[in-house]
Amino acid sequence: MKTKTEANSQQNRGQDFFNRILYDKLPGFYNAMDRLTFGAWWGLVRRALDYVPADGRMLEVGFGPGRLQVELAKHSDAAYGIDMAGGMCRFTHDRLASQGLTPNITRGSVFALPYPTDAFDAVVSTFALSGMDEVQGALAEMVRVAAPAGRVVLVDIALPADGNRAGTFWARLWESMGDYLYDFPALMSAGGLKVTICEEFGPGRHIRAVVGEKQEAR
């Protein structure tokens, strides 16, 4: 049996390969995952749209190839995005521009978001935070830039609440490839958000949509 240190080392190696090679250098290949999964991948990502307001200022953290960013930009004239990968920034910039949408995207870190406090009505992230080995700081920054009564919307992997074998298998498979399994409702609550929605879906219900509302200052 692997020790925790060995398991963490394997996860870090997996994340390093994924982030440096597949995600940053090959954005077109990453984008093709939707076709390779016959639309299933987009079906999971697009669930975030069910939880964002119809308009308002929106920020997507870790926008990847930009398909969700395009939909957010169609929702709102004030849709922004941030991603660390230069390759994804270029790919998404071109994707938005090709559809006549204004690219409001920035290359930068979720751990130091270059936006004012209380700036956004919704802060959205899909399958990004599970790739970070220190997620509390990222979530704290997302909460900071969310407006009072605004939403933080996460769609990401998780162990299914009922512990079913299929969902546990898929979640552990993601983990073996370098991702981290976080209890996002607990992290949101600890970060000062009121969790208003927590829904499971996907194969074996191993994908979770969690919505936290930022409380009004008293």
C-alpha atoms as a PDB file:
ATOM      1  CA  MET A   1       0.000   0.000   0.000  1.00  0.00           C
ATOM      2  CA  LYS A   2       1.289   3.469  -0.885  1.00  0.00           C
ATOM      3  CA  THR A   3       2.020   5.938   1.842  1.00  0.00           C
ATOM      4  CA  LYS A   4       0.274   9.323   1.813  1.00  0.00           C
ATOM      5  CA  THR A   5       3.545  10.972   0.733  1.00  0.00           C
ATOM      6  CA  GLU A   6       3.933   8.550  -2.182  1.00  0.00           C
ATOM      7  CA  ALA A   7       0.318   9.089  -3.223  1.00  0.00           C
ATOM      8  CA  ASN A   8       0.736  12.860  -3.100  1.00  0.00           C
ATOM      9  CA  SER A   9       3.936  12.613  -5.134  1.00  0.00           C
ATOM     10  CA  GLN A  10       2.109  10.596  -7.794  1.00  0.00           C
ATOM     11  CA  GLN A  11      -0.711  13.146  -7.873  1.00  0.00           C
ATOM     12  CA  ASN A  12       1.779  15.990  -8.239  1.00  0.00           C
ATOM     13  CA  ARG A  13       3.521  14.249 -11.140  1.00  0.00           C
ATOM     14  CA  GLY A  14       0.170  13.640 -12.812  1.00  0.00           C
ATOM     15  CA  GLN A  15      -0.872  17.251 -12.381  1.00  0.00           C
ATOM     16  CA  ASP A  16       2.491  18.518 -13.649  1.00  0.00           C
ATOM     17  CA  PHE A  17       2.177  16.476 -16.843  1.00  0.00           C
ATOM     18  CA  PHE A  18      -1.455  17.441 -17.331  1.00  0.00           C
ATOM     19  CA  ASN A  19      -0.962  21.173 -16.706  1.00  0.00           C
ATOM     20  CA  ARG A  20       2.290  21.647 -18.605  1.00  0.00           C
ATOM     21  CA  ILE A  21       1.658  19.382 -21.582  1.00  0.00           C
ATOM     22  CA  LEU A  22      -1.984  18.532 -22.209  1.00  0.00           C
ATOM     23  CA  TYR A  23      -3.589  21.684 -20.831  1.00  0.00           C
ATOM     24  CA  ASP A  24      -1.149  24.448 -21.719  1.00  0.00           C
ATOM     25  CA  LYS A  25       0.668  23.210 -24.809  1.00  0.00           C
ATOM     26  CA  LEU A  26      -2.134  21.252 -26.505  1.00  0.00           C
ATOM     27  CA  PRO A  27      -5.347  23.272 -26.014  1.00  0.00           C
ATOM     28  CA  GLY A  28      -6.811  21.963 -29.269  1.00  0.00           C
ATOM     29  CA  PHE A  29      -6.370  18.382 -28.123  1.00  0.00           C
ATOM     30  CA  TYR A  30      -7.944  19.180 -24.760  1.00  0.00           C
ATOM     31  CA  ASN A  31     -10.838  20.845 -26.541  1.00  0.00           C
ATOM     32  CA  ALA A  32     -11.343  17.689 -28.602  1.00  0.00           C
ATOM     33  CA  MET A  33     -12.267  15.769 -25.440  1.00  0.00           C
ATOM     34  CA  ASP A  34     -15.848  16.783 -25.997  1.00  0.00           C
ATOM     35  CA  ARG A  35     -15.918  15.062 -29.375  1.00  0.00           C
ATOM     36  CA  LEU A  36     -14.018  12.084 -27.989  1.00  0.00           C
ATOM     37  CA  THR A  37     -16.666  11.685 -25.271  1.00  0.00           C
ATOM     38  CA  PHE A  38     -19.566  12.256 -27.708  1.00  0.00           C
ATOM     39  CA  GLY A  39     -20.584  15.438 -25.908  1.00  0.00           C
ATOM     40  CA  ALA A  40     -20.584  13.907 -22.412  1.00  0.00           C
ATOM     41  CA  TRP A  41     -17.819  16.204 -21.165  1.00  0.00           C
ATOM     42  CA  TRP A  42     -19.671  19.339 -22.211  1.00  0.00           C
ATOM     43  CA  GLY A  43     -22.825  17.924 -20.659  1.00  0.00           C
ATOM     44  CA  LEU A  44     -21.036  17.906 -17.297  1.00  0.00           C
ATOM     45  CA  VAL A  45     -19.408  21.331 -17.696  1.00  0.00           C
ATOM     46  CA  ARG A  46     -22.546  23.088 -18.928  1.00  0.00           C
ATOM     47  CA  ARG A  47     -24.395  22.190 -15.729  1.00  0.00           C
ATOM     48  CA  ALA A  48     -22.782  25.301 -14.257  1.00  0.00           C
ATOM     49  CA  LEU A  49     -25.110  27.393 -16.443  1.00  0.00           C
ATOM     50  CA  ASP A  50     -28.064  26.115 -14.412  1.00  0.00           C
ATOM     51  CA  TYR A  51     -26.783  27.956 -11.357  1.00  0.00           C
ATOM     52  CA  VAL A  52     -25.612  31.345 -12.659  1.00  0.00           C
ATOM     53  CA  PRO A  53     -27.854  34.426 -12.874  1.00  0.00           C
ATOM     54  CA  ALA A  54     -29.343  35.470 -16.190  1.00  0.00           C
ATOM     55  CA  ASP A  55     -27.093  38.521 -16.338  1.00  0.00           C
ATOM     56  CA  GLY A  56     -24.693  40.500 -14.156  1.00  0.00           C
ATOM     57  CA  ARG A  57     -20.925  40.425 -13.777  1.00  0.00           C
ATOM     58  CA  MET A  58     -19.485  36.926 -14.042  1.00  0.00           C
ATOM     59  CA  LEU A  59     -16.023  35.463 -13.578  1.00  0.00           C
ATOM     60  CA  GLU A  60     -14.923  32.007 -14.683  1.00  0.00           C
ATOM     61  CA  VAL A  61     -11.843  30.603 -12.975  1.00  0.00           C
ATOM     62  CA  GLY A  62      -9.916  28.114 -15.103  1.00  0.00           C
ATOM     63  CA  PHE A  63     -11.876  28.560 -18.341  1.00  0.00           C
ATOM     64  CA  GLY A  64      -9.844  26.034 -20.337  1.00  0.00           C
ATOM     65  CA  PRO A  65     -10.768  25.913 -24.046  1.00  0.00           C
ATOM     66  CA  GLY A  66     -13.512  28.459 -23.476  1.00  0.00           C
ATOM     67  CA  ARG A  67     -16.754  26.753 -24.365  1.00  0.00           C
ATOM     68  CA  LEU A  68     -18.384  27.731 -21.084  1.00  0.00           C
ATOM     69  CA  GLN A  69     -16.800  31.184 -21.315  1.00  0.00           C
ATOM     70  CA  VAL A  70     -18.582  31.654 -24.651  1.00  0.00           C
ATOM     71  CA  GLU A  71     -21.923  30.799 -23.066  1.00  0.00           C
ATOM     72  CA  LEU A  72     -21.283  33.144 -20.144  1.00  0.00           C
ATOM     73  CA  ALA A  73     -20.398  35.921 -22.588  1.00  0.00           C
ATOM     74  CA  LYS A  74     -23.704  35.323 -24.368  1.00  0.00           C
ATOM     75  CA  HIS A  75     -25.449  35.637 -20.991  1.00  0.00           C
ATOM     76  CA  SER A  76     -23.736  38.868 -20.044  1.00  0.00           C
ATOM     77  CA  ASP A  77     -21.728  41.748 -21.465  1.00  0.00           C
ATOM     78  CA  ALA A  78     -19.637  41.592 -18.292  1.00  0.00           C
ATOM     79  CA  ALA A  79     -18.287  38.019 -18.456  1.00  0.00           C
ATOM     80  CA  TYR A  80     -14.641  37.652 -17.460  1.00  0.00           C
ATOM     81  CA  GLY A  81     -12.263  34.729 -17.254  1.00  0.00           C
ATOM     82  CA  ILE A  82      -8.869  33.912 -15.776  1.00  0.00           C
ATOM     83  CA  ASP A  83      -6.559  30.969 -16.447  1.00  0.00           C
ATOM     84  CA  MET A  84      -2.887  30.260 -15.776  1.00  0.00           C
ATOM     85  CA  ALA A  85      -2.259  28.552 -19.124  1.00  0.00           C
ATOM     86  CA  GLY A  86      -1.078  30.809 -21.919  1.00  0.00           C
ATOM     87  CA  GLY A  87      -2.128  28.268 -24.536  1.00  0.00           C
ATOM     88  CA  MET A  88      -5.681  28.195 -23.232  1.00  0.00           C
ATOM     89  CA  CYS A  89      -5.805  31.998 -23.062  1.00  0.00           C
ATOM     90  CA  ARG A  90      -4.877  32.279 -26.744  1.00  0.00           C
ATOM     91  CA  PHE A  91      -7.273  29.495 -27.737  1.00  0.00           C
ATOM     92  CA  THR A  92     -10.200  30.985 -25.816  1.00  0.00           C
ATOM     93  CA  HIS A  93      -9.452  34.531 -27.003  1.00  0.00           C
ATOM     94  CA  ASP A  94      -9.717  33.331 -30.605  1.00  0.00           C
ATOM     95  CA  ARG A  95     -12.834  31.305 -29.850  1.00  0.00           C
ATOM     96  CA  LEU A  96     -14.640  34.300 -28.380  1.00  0.00           C
ATOM     97  CA  ALA A  97     -13.511  36.651 -31.134  1.00  0.00           C
ATOM     98  CA  SER A  98     -14.607  34.206 -33.856  1.00  0.00           C
ATOM     99  CA  GLN A  99     -18.147  34.403 -32.471  1.00  0.00           C
ATOM    100  CA  GLY A 100     -18.181  38.183 -32.292  1.00  0.00           C
ATOM    101  CA  LEU A 101     -17.829  38.228 -28.509  1.00  0.00           C
ATOM    102  CA  THR A 102     -15.484  40.507 -26.584  1.00  0.00           C
ATOM    103  CA  PRO A 103     -12.721  38.528 -24.849  1.00  0.00           C
ATOM    104  CA  ASN A 104     -12.404  39.723 -21.251  1.00  0.00           C
ATOM    105  CA  ILE A 105      -9.840  37.141 -20.291  1.00  0.00           C
ATOM    106  CA  THR A 106      -6.659  37.341 -18.249  1.00  0.00           C
ATOM    107  CA  ARG A 107      -3.709  35.076 -17.739  1.00  0.00           C
ATOM    108  CA  GLY A 108      -3.212  34.865 -14.004  1.00  0.00           C
ATOM    109  CA  SER A 109      -3.575  32.939 -10.773  1.00  0.00           C
ATOM    110  CA  VAL A 110      -6.686  32.227  -8.752  1.00  0.00           C
ATOM    111  CA  PHE A 111      -4.517  32.698  -5.664  1.00  0.00           C
ATOM    112  CA  ALA A 112      -4.130  36.408  -6.496  1.00  0.00           C
ATOM    113  CA  LEU A 113      -7.169  37.414  -8.539  1.00  0.00           C
ATOM    114  CA  PRO A 114      -6.582  40.821 -10.202  1.00  0.00           C
ATOM    115  CA  TYR A 115     -10.107  42.062  -9.495  1.00  0.00           C
ATOM    116  CA  PRO A 116     -11.618  44.286  -6.795  1.00  0.00           C
ATOM    117  CA  THR A 117     -13.365  42.884  -3.750  1.00  0.00           C
ATOM    118  CA  ASP A 118     -17.135  42.319  -4.206  1.00  0.00           C
ATOM    119  CA  ALA A 119     -16.821  42.652  -7.995  1.00  0.00           C
ATOM    120  CA  PHE A 120     -18.879  39.754  -9.395  1.00  0.00           C
ATOM    121  CA  ASP A 121     -22.436  38.495  -9.117  1.00  0.00           C
ATOM    122  CA  ALA A 122     -21.241  34.960  -9.888  1.00  0.00           C
ATOM    123  CA  VAL A 123     -17.825  33.289  -9.735  1.00  0.00           C
ATOM    124  CA  VAL A 124     -17.793  29.953 -11.575  1.00  0.00           C
ATOM    125  CA  SER A 125     -15.289  27.117 -11.809  1.00  0.00           C
ATOM    126  CA  THR A 126     -15.633  23.689 -13.405  1.00  0.00           C
ATOM    127  CA  PHE A 127     -13.135  20.870 -12.863  1.00  0.00           C
ATOM    128  CA  ALA A 128     -10.346  23.293 -11.936  1.00  0.00           C
ATOM    129  CA  LEU A 129     -10.099  23.325  -8.145  1.00  0.00           C
ATOM    130  CA  SER A 130      -9.744  19.541  -7.949  1.00  0.00           C
ATOM    131  CA  GLY A 131      -6.442  20.019  -9.787  1.00  0.00           C
ATOM    132  CA  MET A 132      -4.967  22.120  -6.951  1.00  0.00           C
ATOM    133  CA  ASP A 133      -3.211  20.701  -3.925  1.00  0.00           C
ATOM    134  CA  GLU A 134      -3.940  23.826  -1.862  1.00  0.00           C
ATOM    135  CA  VAL A 135      -7.522  24.795  -2.517  1.00  0.00           C
ATOM    136  CA  GLN A 136      -8.412  26.918   0.511  1.00  0.00           C
ATOM    137  CA  GLY A 137      -6.487  29.952  -0.742  1.00  0.00           C
ATOM    138  CA  ALA A 138      -8.097  29.696  -4.173  1.00  0.00           C
ATOM    139  CA  LEU A 139     -11.580  29.492  -2.707  1.00  0.00           C
ATOM    140  CA  ALA A 140     -10.863  32.419  -0.377  1.00  0.00           C
ATOM    141  CA  GLU A 141      -9.973  34.603  -3.367  1.00  0.00           C
ATOM    142  CA  MET A 142     -13.127  33.534  -5.200  1.00  0.00           C
ATOM    143  CA  VAL A 143     -15.185  34.472  -2.154  1.00  0.00           C
ATOM    144  CA  ARG A 144     -13.395  37.811  -1.883  1.00  0.00           C
ATOM    145  CA  VAL A 145     -14.283  38.923  -5.421  1.00  0.00           C
ATOM    146  CA  ALA A 146     -17.905  37.704  -5.187  1.00  0.00           C
ATOM    147  CA  ALA A 147     -20.402  40.456  -4.386  1.00  0.00           C
ATOM    148  CA  PRO A 148     -22.582  40.310  -1.267  1.00  0.00           C
ATOM    149  CA  ALA A 149     -25.501  37.984  -2.098  1.00  0.00           C
ATOM    150  CA  GLY A 150     -23.431  36.807  -5.078  1.00  0.00           C
ATOM    151  CA  ARG A 151     -22.771  33.164  -5.877  1.00  0.00           C
ATOM    152  CA  VAL A 152     -19.732  30.916  -6.034  1.00  0.00           C
ATOM    153  CA  VAL A 153     -20.588  28.007  -8.333  1.00  0.00           C
ATOM    154  CA  LEU A 154     -18.410  24.878  -8.457  1.00  0.00           C
ATOM    155  CA  VAL A 155     -18.848  21.808 -10.638  1.00  0.00           C
ATOM    156  CA  ASP A 156     -16.221  19.202  -9.858  1.00  0.00           C
ATOM    157  CA  ILE A 157     -15.491  15.614  -8.942  1.00  0.00           C
ATOM    158  CA  ALA A 158     -16.393  14.164  -5.557  1.00  0.00           C
ATOM    159  CA  LEU A 159     -16.962  10.889  -3.806  1.00  0.00           C
ATOM    160  CA  PRO A 160     -20.690  10.088  -4.014  1.00  0.00           C
ATOM    161  CA  ALA A 161     -22.538  10.719  -0.779  1.00  0.00           C
ATOM    162  CA  ASP A 162     -24.048   7.233  -0.745  1.00  0.00           C
ATOM    163  CA  GLY A 163     -20.693   5.552  -1.370  1.00  0.00           C
ATOM    164  CA  ASN A 164     -21.942   3.586  -4.386  1.00  0.00           C
ATOM    165  CA  ARG A 165     -19.282   1.479  -6.101  1.00  0.00           C
ATOM    166  CA  ALA A 166     -19.581   2.970  -9.578  1.00  0.00           C
ATOM    167  CA  GLY A 167     -19.284   6.565  -8.407  1.00  0.00           C
ATOM    168  CA  THR A 168     -16.475   5.734  -6.003  1.00  0.00           C
ATOM    169  CA  PHE A 169     -14.596   3.949  -8.800  1.00  0.00           C
ATOM    170  CA  TRP A 170     -14.830   6.972 -11.131  1.00  0.00           C
ATOM    171  CA  ALA A 171     -13.852   9.451  -8.426  1.00  0.00           C
ATOM    172  CA  ARG A 172     -10.864   7.341  -7.387  1.00  0.00           C
ATOM    173  CA  LEU A 173      -9.848   7.001 -11.044  1.00  0.00           C
ATOM    174  CA  TRP A 174      -9.706  10.791 -11.349  1.00  0.00           C
ATOM    175  CA  GLU A 175      -7.704  10.878  -8.125  1.00  0.00           C
ATOM    176  CA  SER A 176      -5.215   8.337  -9.465  1.00  0.00           C
ATOM    177  CA  MET A 177      -4.590  10.612 -12.457  1.00  0.00           C
ATOM    178  CA  GLY A 178      -3.626  13.508 -10.212  1.00  0.00           C
ATOM    179  CA  ASP A 179      -6.829  15.160  -9.021  1.00  0.00           C
ATOM    180  CA  TYR A 180      -7.853  15.798  -5.418  1.00  0.00           C
ATOM    181  CA  LEU A 181     -11.185  14.888  -3.856  1.00  0.00           C
ATOM    182  CA  TYR A 182     -12.414  17.798  -1.756  1.00  0.00           C
ATOM    183  CA  ASP A 183     -15.469  18.287   0.416  1.00  0.00           C
ATOM    184  CA  PHE A 184     -16.500  21.534  -1.286  1.00  0.00           C
ATOM    185  CA  PRO A 185     -19.674  22.138   0.766  1.00  0.00           C
ATOM    186  CA  ALA A 186     -17.595  22.005   3.968  1.00  0.00           C
ATOM    187  CA  LEU A 187     -14.883  24.221   2.470  1.00  0.00           C
ATOM    188  CA  MET A 188     -17.472  26.750   1.312  1.00  0.00           C
ATOM    189  CA  SER A 189     -19.096  26.870   4.727  1.00  0.00           C
ATOM    190  CA  ALA A 190     -15.706  27.304   6.395  1.00  0.00           C
ATOM    191  CA  GLY A 191     -14.990  30.123   3.937  1.00  0.00           C
ATOM    192  CA  GLY A 192     -18.055  32.079   4.997  1.00  0.00           C
ATOM    193  CA  LEU A 193     -20.482  31.031   2.254  1.00  0.00           C
ATOM    194  CA  LYS A 194     -24.005  29.769   2.817  1.00  0.00           C
ATOM    195  CA  VAL A 195     -24.345  26.543   0.818  1.00  0.00           C
ATOM    196  CA  THR A 196     -27.686  26.722  -0.965  1.00  0.00           C
ATOM    197  CA  ILE A 197     -27.347  23.925  -3.523  1.00  0.00           C
ATOM    198  CA  CYS A 198     -25.468  20.615  -3.527  1.00  0.00           C
ATOM    199  CA  GLU A 199     -26.452  18.240  -6.302  1.00  0.00           C
ATOM    200  CA  GLU A 200     -24.866  15.026  -7.560  1.00  0.00           C
ATOM    201  CA  PHE A 201     -24.955  13.807 -11.141  1.00  0.00           C
ATOM    202  CA  GLY A 202     -22.820  12.025 -13.725  1.00  0.00           C
ATOM    203  CA  PRO A 203     -21.824   8.336 -13.757  1.00  0.00           C
ATOM    204  CA  GLY A 204     -22.413   6.999 -10.269  1.00  0.00           C
ATOM    205  CA  ARG A 205     -23.190  10.545  -9.141  1.00  0.00           C
ATOM    206  CA  HIS A 206     -19.476  11.320  -8.734  1.00  0.00           C
ATOM    207  CA  ILE A 207     -19.834  14.877 -10.083  1.00  0.00           C
ATOM    208  CA  ARG A 208     -21.122  17.529  -7.721  1.00  0.00           C
ATOM    209  CA  ALA A 209     -22.542  20.999  -8.319  1.00  0.00           C
ATOM    210  CA  VAL A 210     -22.185  23.174  -5.231  1.00  0.00           C
ATOM    211  CA  VAL A 211     -23.456  26.738  -4.906  1.00  0.00           C
ATOM    212  CA  GLY A 212     -22.469  29.022  -2.063  1.00  0.00           C
ATOM    213  CA  GLU A 213     -23.969  32.439  -1.447  1.00  0.00           C
ATOM    214  CA  LYS A 214     -21.865  35.249  -0.011  1.00  0.00           C
ATOM    215  CA  GLN A 215     -23.552  36.790   2.973  1.00  0.00           C
ATOM    216  CA  GLU A 216     -24.350  40.492   3.233  1.00  0.00           C
ATOM    217  CA  ALA A 217     -22.028  42.402   5.534  1.00  0.00           C
ATOM    218  CA  ARG A 218     -23.662  43.265   8.848  1.00  0.00           C
END
